[in-house]
Amino acid sequence: MSPTEQLDPSTLATQAEAWRDEIVELARRLVSTPSLCGEEGALVNVLTDKMRSLGYDEVGVDDLGNCIGRIKGNGTGPSVLFTCHLDHQDPGERADWQYGPYEGRLAEGYLHGRGASNHKGALAAMIYGGALLKKLGVPLRGDYLFAGVVQAHAKGNVGMRYLVDKSLPDRGLQYDLVVLGNPTNLDVHLGHRGRLELEVLTIGRTSHAGAPWLGVNAVAKMVGVIAGVEQLATSLPGHPFLDKSTIAITGIESAPTGSSRVPDRCLVSLDRRFLPAEAPDAVVWQVQSIVNQLTAADPEFKGEVRVRQAAVTSYTGLHQTATKLMHPFVTESNHALVRSAVAALEGTGQQPRLGKWNFSTDGGYTAAIKKIATIGYAPGDEKFAQTPFDRLSIDKLVQAVGGYAAISHGISG
């Protein structure tokens, strides 16, 4: 296609349909390739091999294991980064699955298996979206960038941080819009609440259960913490788009265990979903205040509040620390790049609505921390994500290929 020719957006949808079998086969292969957090290497090999065979101008893997592909524009316009995480949650009990989680079964118009909805369909569609533009010879002013990001399930933006803080700058790659492949059912998502993992530890004194008055029961001391958390939950703020902040108790454990011992340690895990107007430090302080009040009222009460952290190692052997914090964000619906993306999708015959995720994504880092316009668009359906019913509409998978190409052309063409 020459620079003077006008692209009919319907051409993108038509070409994607012509590639249906290839696209589905790649998505099926991705589902059939296990990629637990920290074990994404085999999946990266599949993706990089496919990008090279489809004619990407640049393909590489950074030190952490993120894979990166580039279709070059001429450098005179904005670029778009299409990105999706590579890892998935453990499938859990195999008996709960209608089809094997790594079987990649095609049935009832769906691709079934772990990660089909979140995220492997999006990975396949993003790679073919760039290849479609390349095949048609569509001139771009900016780059079509693809990044498959590792260790998203470490819940600390480990892979995305490394990508946007180091790998892309080291390669001289810039971008103006981030498009996430977390499931949106072909709608355009503009944000989500933040997520912070907290834990509260109560410290007592162990004793024989036959003489409990000689000890301080850490489980009993946790009762006041739980009551305070439940009271806090009733007073959290709301948001007209993102809905309500929440706090949930997600686990409790004590030690030492045994029927004849009073526990001197009790640990409660908390999941706190919060809004852009709530600072993470203030979120922590709300729980710390509960502990402070109990400490002041009871001389035997001892408690600690901690933000959960984890040491993580990538499949390449790189060690990092993941703070269990995901930031909230909302991209304005009237942002020029959002309007361009929606118009481009409409040009292919799609009718995307504007929505939000219930879960958190790496977009909190690109949008809230790096201040880069960020949206989500993907073929998967959030209701199937991380369930034994994980599946992806094949028709929507193919439509997403034309959609990703259209977004790139609408912004960079």
Protein backbone atom coordinates (compact mmCIF):
# COMPACT_ATOMS: atom_id res chain seq x y z
CA MET A 1 0.00 0.00 0.00
CA SER A 2 1.44 3.36 -0.95
CA PRO A 3 1.47 6.28 1.51
CA THR A 4 -1.17 8.07 -0.55
CA GLU A 5 -3.67 5.20 -0.50
CA GLN A 6 -6.54 5.39 1.99
CA LEU A 7 -7.03 2.23 4.05
CA ASP A 8 -10.59 0.98 4.30
CA PRO A 9 -10.84 -0.27 7.92
CA SER A 10 -13.06 -3.13 6.79
CA THR A 11 -10.00 -4.50 4.97
CA LEU A 12 -8.42 -5.24 8.33
CA ALA A 13 -11.38 -7.32 9.44
CA THR A 14 -11.45 -9.15 6.09
CA GLN A 15 -7.75 -10.01 6.22
CA ALA A 16 -8.03 -11.17 9.83
CA GLU A 17 -10.84 -13.50 8.80
CA ALA A 18 -8.68 -14.90 6.00
CA TRP A 19 -6.08 -15.80 8.64
CA ARG A 20 -8.61 -17.41 10.99
CA ASP A 21 -7.07 -20.88 11.01
CA GLU A 22 -3.54 -19.54 11.61
CA ILE A 23 -4.68 -17.27 14.41
CA VAL A 24 -6.64 -20.01 16.14
CA GLU A 25 -3.75 -22.43 15.84
CA LEU A 26 -1.36 -19.97 17.50
CA ALA A 27 -3.83 -19.30 20.34
CA ARG A 28 -4.35 -23.05 20.77
CA ARG A 29 -0.60 -23.61 20.94
CA LEU A 30 -0.22 -20.85 23.53
CA VAL A 31 -2.91 -22.41 25.73
CA SER A 32 -1.16 -25.76 25.37
CA THR A 33 2.10 -24.25 26.62
CA PRO A 34 2.10 -23.96 30.46
CA SER A 35 3.46 -20.64 31.69
CA LEU A 36 3.15 -20.35 35.45
CA CYS A 37 4.64 -17.26 37.07
CA GLY A 38 8.42 -17.55 36.79
CA GLU A 39 8.14 -20.36 34.22
CA GLU A 40 7.28 -18.45 31.04
CA GLY A 41 10.36 -19.36 28.99
CA ALA A 42 8.73 -21.94 26.72
CA LEU A 43 5.90 -19.53 25.90
CA VAL A 44 8.39 -16.78 25.07
CA ASN A 45 10.08 -19.11 22.60
CA VAL A 46 6.78 -19.74 20.82
CA LEU A 47 6.00 -16.02 20.61
CA THR A 48 9.41 -14.88 19.44
CA ASP A 49 9.59 -17.61 16.78
CA LYS A 50 6.15 -16.60 15.50
CA MET A 51 7.01 -12.89 15.37
CA ARG A 52 10.14 -13.64 13.35
CA SER A 53 8.22 -15.84 10.93
CA LEU A 54 5.59 -13.11 10.48
CA GLY A 55 8.21 -10.53 9.53
CA TYR A 56 8.47 -8.30 12.60
CA ASP A 57 11.28 -5.79 12.11
CA GLU A 58 12.75 -6.40 15.56
CA VAL A 59 12.25 -9.27 18.02
CA GLY A 60 14.04 -9.67 21.33
CA VAL A 61 13.95 -10.82 24.94
CA ASP A 62 15.16 -8.68 27.85
CA ASP A 63 17.16 -9.85 30.88
CA LEU A 64 14.02 -10.49 32.92
CA GLY A 65 12.46 -12.58 30.17
CA ASN A 66 9.91 -10.15 28.70
CA CYS A 67 9.59 -10.60 24.93
CA ILE A 68 9.42 -7.54 22.67
CA GLY A 69 8.45 -7.12 19.02
CA ARG A 70 8.49 -4.05 16.82
CA ILE A 71 7.02 -3.11 13.48
CA LYS A 72 8.65 0.16 12.60
CA GLY A 73 6.89 3.36 11.69
CA ASN A 74 8.68 6.22 10.01
CA GLY A 75 9.16 8.08 13.28
CA THR A 76 6.88 11.03 12.54
CA GLY A 77 3.87 10.08 14.68
CA PRO A 78 2.69 8.45 17.90
CA SER A 79 3.44 4.82 18.72
CA VAL A 80 1.27 2.26 20.49
CA LEU A 81 2.45 -0.42 22.92
CA PHE A 82 0.28 -3.54 22.88
CA THR A 83 1.09 -5.59 25.96
CA CYS A 84 -0.19 -8.56 27.87
CA HIS A 85 1.14 -10.74 30.66
CA LEU A 86 2.49 -14.19 29.88
CA ASP A 87 1.91 -16.03 33.16
CA HIS A 88 -1.22 -17.68 34.47
CA GLN A 89 -2.49 -19.08 37.76
CA ASP A 90 -2.16 -22.77 38.57
CA PRO A 91 -5.12 -24.69 37.07
CA GLY A 92 -5.92 -26.26 40.43
CA GLU A 93 -7.89 -29.48 40.67
CA ARG A 94 -7.87 -31.13 37.23
CA ALA A 95 -11.17 -32.91 37.91
CA ASP A 96 -12.93 -29.53 37.90
CA TRP A 97 -12.14 -29.00 34.19
CA GLN A 98 -14.47 -30.14 31.42
CA TYR A 99 -11.45 -30.25 29.12
CA GLY A 100 -7.82 -30.50 30.18
CA PRO A 101 -6.39 -27.11 31.17
CA TYR A 102 -3.52 -27.47 28.69
CA GLU A 103 -5.39 -29.45 26.05
CA GLY A 104 -6.25 -26.42 23.90
CA ARG A 105 -9.56 -28.00 22.92
CA LEU A 106 -11.73 -26.33 20.26
CA ALA A 107 -15.41 -26.94 21.00
CA GLU A 108 -18.75 -25.10 20.84
CA GLY A 109 -17.13 -22.12 19.11
CA TYR A 110 -14.60 -21.64 21.92
CA LEU A 111 -10.97 -22.35 22.65
CA HIS A 112 -10.89 -23.99 26.08
CA GLY A 113 -8.04 -24.09 28.58
CA ARG A 114 -6.08 -22.23 31.23
CA GLY A 115 -5.30 -18.68 30.16
CA ALA A 116 -7.55 -18.73 27.08
CA SER A 117 -9.57 -15.72 28.23
CA ASN A 118 -6.84 -14.04 30.22
CA HIS A 119 -4.45 -13.71 28.28
CA LYS A 120 -3.34 -16.10 25.58
CA GLY A 121 -6.01 -15.17 23.07
CA ALA A 122 -4.93 -11.55 23.38
CA LEU A 123 -1.28 -12.51 22.89
CA ALA A 124 -2.08 -14.30 19.64
CA ALA A 125 -4.31 -11.49 18.41
CA MET A 126 -1.75 -8.77 19.22
CA ILE A 127 1.00 -10.57 17.31
CA TYR A 128 -1.23 -11.13 14.28
CA GLY A 129 -2.54 -7.56 14.48
CA GLY A 130 0.95 -6.24 13.81
CA ALA A 131 1.59 -8.86 11.14
CA LEU A 132 -1.64 -7.86 9.39
CA LEU A 133 -0.42 -4.28 9.01
CA LYS A 134 2.92 -5.57 7.76
CA LYS A 135 1.31 -7.87 5.18
CA LEU A 136 -0.94 -5.13 3.84
CA GLY A 137 1.96 -2.69 3.63
CA VAL A 138 0.09 -0.15 5.72
CA PRO A 139 2.36 2.89 6.28
CA LEU A 140 2.70 3.87 9.94
CA ARG A 141 4.06 7.11 11.33
CA GLY A 142 4.70 5.48 14.71
CA ASP A 143 5.69 1.99 15.81
CA TYR A 144 3.51 -1.02 16.46
CA LEU A 145 5.13 -2.36 19.64
CA PHE A 146 4.30 -5.67 21.29
CA ALA A 147 5.47 -6.82 24.72
CA GLY A 148 4.73 -10.08 26.50
CA VAL A 149 5.33 -9.41 30.19
CA VAL A 150 6.45 -11.96 32.77
CA GLN A 151 5.47 -12.39 36.42
CA ALA A 152 2.27 -10.37 36.48
CA HIS A 153 0.89 -12.79 39.06
CA ALA A 154 3.64 -11.76 41.46
CA LYS A 155 1.22 -8.82 41.99
CA GLY A 156 3.82 -6.10 42.09
CA ASN A 157 4.19 -5.01 38.44
CA VAL A 158 7.54 -6.84 38.39
CA GLY A 159 7.64 -7.54 34.67
CA MET A 160 5.98 -4.29 33.59
CA ARG A 161 8.26 -2.19 35.79
CA TYR A 162 11.33 -3.76 34.24
CA LEU A 163 9.92 -3.35 30.74
CA VAL A 164 8.98 0.33 30.92
CA ASP A 165 11.74 1.50 33.26
CA LYS A 166 14.65 -0.30 31.62
CA SER A 167 14.09 -2.50 28.58
CA LEU A 168 12.15 -0.17 26.30
CA PRO A 169 14.27 2.92 27.15
CA ASP A 170 17.46 0.92 26.60
CA ARG A 171 16.18 0.08 23.12
CA GLY A 172 15.19 3.69 22.43
CA LEU A 173 11.52 2.73 22.15
CA GLN A 174 8.89 5.31 23.04
CA TYR A 175 5.11 5.07 22.94
CA ASP A 176 2.10 7.29 23.52
CA LEU A 177 -0.65 4.79 24.30
CA VAL A 178 -0.62 1.46 26.14
CA VAL A 179 -3.22 -1.14 25.15
CA LEU A 180 -3.57 -3.97 27.67
CA GLY A 181 -4.70 -7.47 26.72
CA ASN A 182 -6.54 -8.27 29.94
CA PRO A 183 -10.07 -9.44 29.05
CA THR A 184 -12.62 -6.82 28.00
CA ASN A 185 -14.94 -8.84 25.73
CA LEU A 186 -13.96 -6.49 22.85
CA ASP A 187 -15.01 -3.42 24.84
CA VAL A 188 -12.57 -0.66 25.77
CA HIS A 189 -11.72 -0.55 29.47
CA LEU A 190 -10.48 2.62 31.10
CA GLY A 191 -9.29 1.52 34.54
CA HIS A 192 -9.79 -0.33 37.79
CA ARG A 193 -9.37 -0.04 41.54
CA GLY A 194 -5.99 -0.54 43.14
CA ARG A 195 -5.06 -3.58 45.18
CA LEU A 196 -2.94 -3.82 48.31
CA GLU A 197 -2.17 -7.04 50.17
CA LEU A 198 -1.81 -6.50 53.93
CA GLU A 199 -1.26 -8.79 56.86
CA VAL A 200 -1.80 -8.27 60.55
CA LEU A 201 0.16 -10.33 63.07
CA THR A 202 -0.93 -10.62 66.68
CA ILE A 203 1.70 -11.80 69.17
CA GLY A 204 0.77 -13.58 72.38
CA ARG A 205 2.41 -16.05 74.76
CA THR A 206 2.03 -19.79 74.36
CA SER A 207 1.03 -22.09 77.19
CA HIS A 208 -0.50 -25.51 77.72
CA ALA A 209 -4.17 -25.49 76.75
CA GLY A 210 -4.94 -27.03 80.12
CA ALA A 211 -3.75 -23.81 81.75
CA PRO A 212 -4.70 -21.09 79.26
CA TRP A 213 -4.46 -18.38 81.93
CA LEU A 214 -0.69 -18.80 81.80
CA GLY A 215 -0.59 -17.69 78.18
CA VAL A 216 -1.90 -14.91 75.94
CA ASN A 217 -3.94 -16.36 73.09
CA ALA A 218 -2.97 -14.62 69.85
CA VAL A 219 -6.13 -15.88 68.10
CA ALA A 220 -8.32 -14.34 70.78
CA LYS A 221 -6.42 -11.06 70.40
CA MET A 222 -7.11 -11.14 66.66
CA VAL A 223 -10.87 -10.97 67.31
CA GLY A 224 -10.66 -7.23 67.90
CA VAL A 225 -8.69 -6.75 64.69
CA ILE A 226 -11.29 -8.62 62.67
CA ALA A 227 -14.09 -6.59 64.24
CA GLY A 228 -12.23 -3.39 63.40
CA VAL A 229 -11.69 -4.47 59.80
CA GLU A 230 -15.35 -5.32 59.39
CA GLN A 231 -16.30 -1.91 60.77
CA LEU A 232 -13.83 -0.22 58.44
CA ALA A 233 -15.44 -1.98 55.48
CA THR A 234 -18.74 -0.19 56.15
CA SER A 235 -17.18 3.27 55.88
CA LEU A 236 -15.05 3.02 52.74
CA PRO A 237 -15.61 5.53 49.92
CA GLY A 238 -17.14 4.97 46.49
CA HIS A 239 -16.44 6.20 42.98
CA PRO A 240 -18.94 7.00 40.18
CA PHE A 241 -17.06 4.82 37.68
CA LEU A 242 -14.94 2.36 39.69
CA ASP A 243 -17.59 1.61 42.34
CA LYS A 244 -16.74 1.03 46.00
CA SER A 245 -13.51 0.50 47.89
CA THR A 246 -13.46 -2.84 49.70
CA ILE A 247 -11.48 -4.72 52.31
CA ALA A 248 -11.73 -8.48 52.70
CA ILE A 249 -10.23 -11.02 55.08
CA THR A 250 -8.72 -13.67 52.80
CA GLY A 251 -6.94 -15.96 55.25
CA ILE A 252 -6.10 -16.69 58.86
CA GLU A 253 -3.48 -18.95 60.41
CA SER A 254 -1.97 -19.50 63.83
CA ALA A 255 1.03 -21.15 65.45
CA PRO A 256 2.00 -23.24 67.18
CA THR A 257 -0.66 -25.70 66.10
CA GLY A 258 -1.99 -28.60 68.14
CA SER A 259 -4.89 -29.37 70.41
CA SER A 260 -2.98 -28.82 73.65
CA ARG A 261 -1.22 -25.51 73.03
CA VAL A 262 -2.32 -21.89 73.17
CA PRO A 263 -1.08 -20.15 69.98
CA ASP A 264 1.26 -17.20 70.39
CA ARG A 265 1.08 -16.10 66.73
CA CYS A 266 -1.95 -15.34 64.60
CA LEU A 267 -1.75 -13.92 61.08
CA VAL A 268 -4.66 -12.49 59.10
CA SER A 269 -4.39 -11.69 55.37
CA LEU A 270 -6.29 -8.73 53.98
CA ASP A 271 -7.15 -7.75 50.42
CA ARG A 272 -7.80 -4.01 50.09
CA ARG A 273 -9.22 -2.57 46.86
CA PHE A 274 -8.85 1.20 46.77
CA LEU A 275 -9.61 4.25 44.62
CA PRO A 276 -7.38 6.85 42.96
CA ALA A 277 -8.23 9.37 45.70
CA GLU A 278 -6.90 6.99 48.39
CA ALA A 279 -3.14 7.04 48.88
CA PRO A 280 -1.54 3.65 49.63
CA ASP A 281 0.03 5.00 52.82
CA ALA A 282 -3.39 6.15 54.03
CA VAL A 283 -4.83 2.71 53.25
CA VAL A 284 -2.17 1.09 55.43
CA TRP A 285 -2.74 3.66 58.18
CA GLN A 286 -6.43 2.76 58.41
CA VAL A 287 -5.50 -0.77 59.49
CA GLN A 288 -2.62 0.47 61.63
CA SER A 289 -5.10 2.69 63.49
CA ILE A 290 -7.15 -0.38 64.42
CA VAL A 291 -4.04 -2.01 65.89
CA ASN A 292 -3.07 1.22 67.69
CA GLN A 293 -6.48 1.49 69.34
CA LEU A 294 -6.35 -2.11 70.54
CA THR A 295 -2.82 -1.61 71.86
CA ALA A 296 -3.90 1.45 73.84
CA ALA A 297 -6.90 -0.37 75.34
CA ASP A 298 -5.24 -3.68 76.21
CA PRO A 299 -1.78 -3.96 77.81
CA GLU A 300 -1.51 -7.58 76.65
CA PHE A 301 -2.23 -6.77 73.01
CA LYS A 302 0.72 -6.77 70.60
CA GLY A 303 0.18 -6.42 66.87
CA GLU A 304 2.00 -5.57 63.66
CA VAL A 305 0.71 -4.40 60.28
CA ARG A 306 2.73 -5.22 57.17
CA VAL A 307 2.44 -4.75 53.42
CA ARG A 308 3.07 -8.15 51.94
CA GLN A 309 6.24 -8.62 49.89
CA ALA A 310 7.70 -11.59 48.08
CA ALA A 311 11.09 -12.45 46.63
CA VAL A 312 10.59 -13.54 43.02
CA THR A 313 12.95 -15.06 40.48
CA SER A 314 12.32 -14.91 36.73
CA TYR A 315 12.87 -17.88 34.45
CA THR A 316 16.09 -16.13 33.34
CA GLY A 317 17.36 -16.20 36.94
CA LEU A 318 16.93 -12.50 37.76
CA HIS A 319 15.91 -11.87 41.39
CA GLN A 320 13.58 -9.04 42.42
CA THR A 321 11.27 -8.09 45.28
CA ALA A 322 7.57 -7.72 44.59
CA THR A 323 5.64 -5.39 46.88
CA LYS A 324 2.03 -6.55 46.69
CA LEU A 325 0.68 -3.22 45.49
CA MET A 326 -1.25 -2.55 42.27
CA HIS A 327 -2.21 1.06 41.64
CA PRO A 328 -5.68 2.24 40.60
CA PHE A 329 -6.25 4.32 37.49
CA VAL A 330 -8.90 5.86 35.27
CA THR A 331 -8.12 7.13 31.78
CA GLU A 332 -10.51 9.89 30.78
CA SER A 333 -13.03 8.83 28.16
CA ASN A 334 -12.55 12.10 26.25
CA HIS A 335 -8.78 11.64 25.93
CA ALA A 336 -7.85 12.16 22.27
CA LEU A 337 -6.14 8.76 22.00
CA VAL A 338 -9.13 6.99 23.57
CA ARG A 339 -11.46 8.65 21.08
CA SER A 340 -9.15 7.65 18.21
CA ALA A 341 -8.98 4.04 19.40
CA VAL A 342 -12.76 3.74 19.75
CA ALA A 343 -13.34 5.34 16.34
CA ALA A 344 -10.84 2.94 14.77
CA LEU A 345 -12.63 -0.06 16.24
CA GLU A 346 -15.98 1.26 15.05
CA GLY A 347 -14.49 1.54 11.59
CA THR A 348 -14.05 -2.24 11.51
CA GLY A 349 -17.70 -2.76 12.42
CA GLN A 350 -17.22 -3.28 16.15
CA GLN A 351 -19.26 -1.41 18.75
CA PRO A 352 -17.08 -1.18 21.88
CA ARG A 353 -18.53 0.11 25.11
CA LEU A 354 -16.47 1.86 27.74
CA GLY A 355 -15.97 -0.19 30.88
CA LYS A 356 -13.67 -1.18 33.74
CA TRP A 357 -12.10 -4.28 35.25
CA ASN A 358 -13.03 -5.75 38.61
CA PHE A 359 -9.47 -7.01 39.03
CA SER A 360 -6.20 -5.07 38.82
CA THR A 361 -3.71 -4.97 35.95
CA ASP A 362 -0.26 -3.68 35.08
CA GLY A 363 -2.03 -0.60 33.75
CA GLY A 364 -1.88 0.88 37.22
CA TYR A 365 1.87 1.23 36.73
CA THR A 366 1.82 2.61 33.19
CA ALA A 367 -1.05 5.01 33.88
CA ALA A 368 -0.76 6.05 37.53
CA ILE A 369 3.04 5.94 37.93
CA LYS A 370 4.40 6.55 34.43
CA LYS A 371 1.52 8.85 33.37
CA ILE A 372 1.03 7.19 29.99
CA ALA A 373 -2.48 6.97 28.53
CA THR A 374 -3.63 3.38 29.10
CA ILE A 375 -6.67 1.41 27.96
CA GLY A 376 -7.67 -2.22 27.72
CA TYR A 377 -9.00 -4.07 24.69
CA ALA A 378 -9.04 -7.85 24.33
CA PRO A 379 -11.20 -10.74 23.13
CA GLY A 380 -11.41 -12.56 26.48
CA ASP A 381 -14.30 -12.41 28.93
CA GLU A 382 -13.40 -11.56 32.55
CA LYS A 383 -16.03 -13.93 33.97
CA PHE A 384 -14.06 -16.93 32.67
CA ALA A 385 -10.65 -15.77 33.89
CA GLN A 386 -8.92 -17.98 36.47
CA THR A 387 -11.80 -20.46 36.56
CA PRO A 388 -11.96 -24.10 35.40
CA PHE A 389 -14.43 -22.86 32.75
CA ASP A 390 -11.72 -20.74 31.08
CA ARG A 391 -12.58 -20.26 27.42
CA LEU A 392 -12.32 -17.81 24.54
CA SER A 393 -14.76 -17.08 21.73
CA ILE A 394 -13.00 -17.93 18.46
CA ASP A 395 -15.00 -15.30 16.58
CA LYS A 396 -13.94 -12.61 19.05
CA LEU A 397 -10.32 -13.77 18.85
CA VAL A 398 -10.32 -13.16 15.11
CA GLN A 399 -12.13 -9.84 15.47
CA ALA A 400 -9.50 -8.70 17.96
CA VAL A 401 -6.75 -9.12 15.35
CA GLY A 402 -8.49 -6.57 13.13
CA GLY A 403 -9.16 -4.46 16.20
CA TYR A 404 -5.52 -4.23 17.28
CA ALA A 405 -4.46 -3.41 13.73
CA ALA A 406 -7.18 -0.77 13.54
CA ILE A 407 -6.12 0.90 16.80
CA SER A 408 -2.53 1.10 15.56
CA HIS A 409 -3.58 2.50 12.19
CA GLY A 410 -6.05 4.93 13.75
CA ILE A 411 -3.36 6.41 15.97
CA SER A 412 -0.12 5.82 14.08
CA GLY A 413 -1.30 5.68 10.47
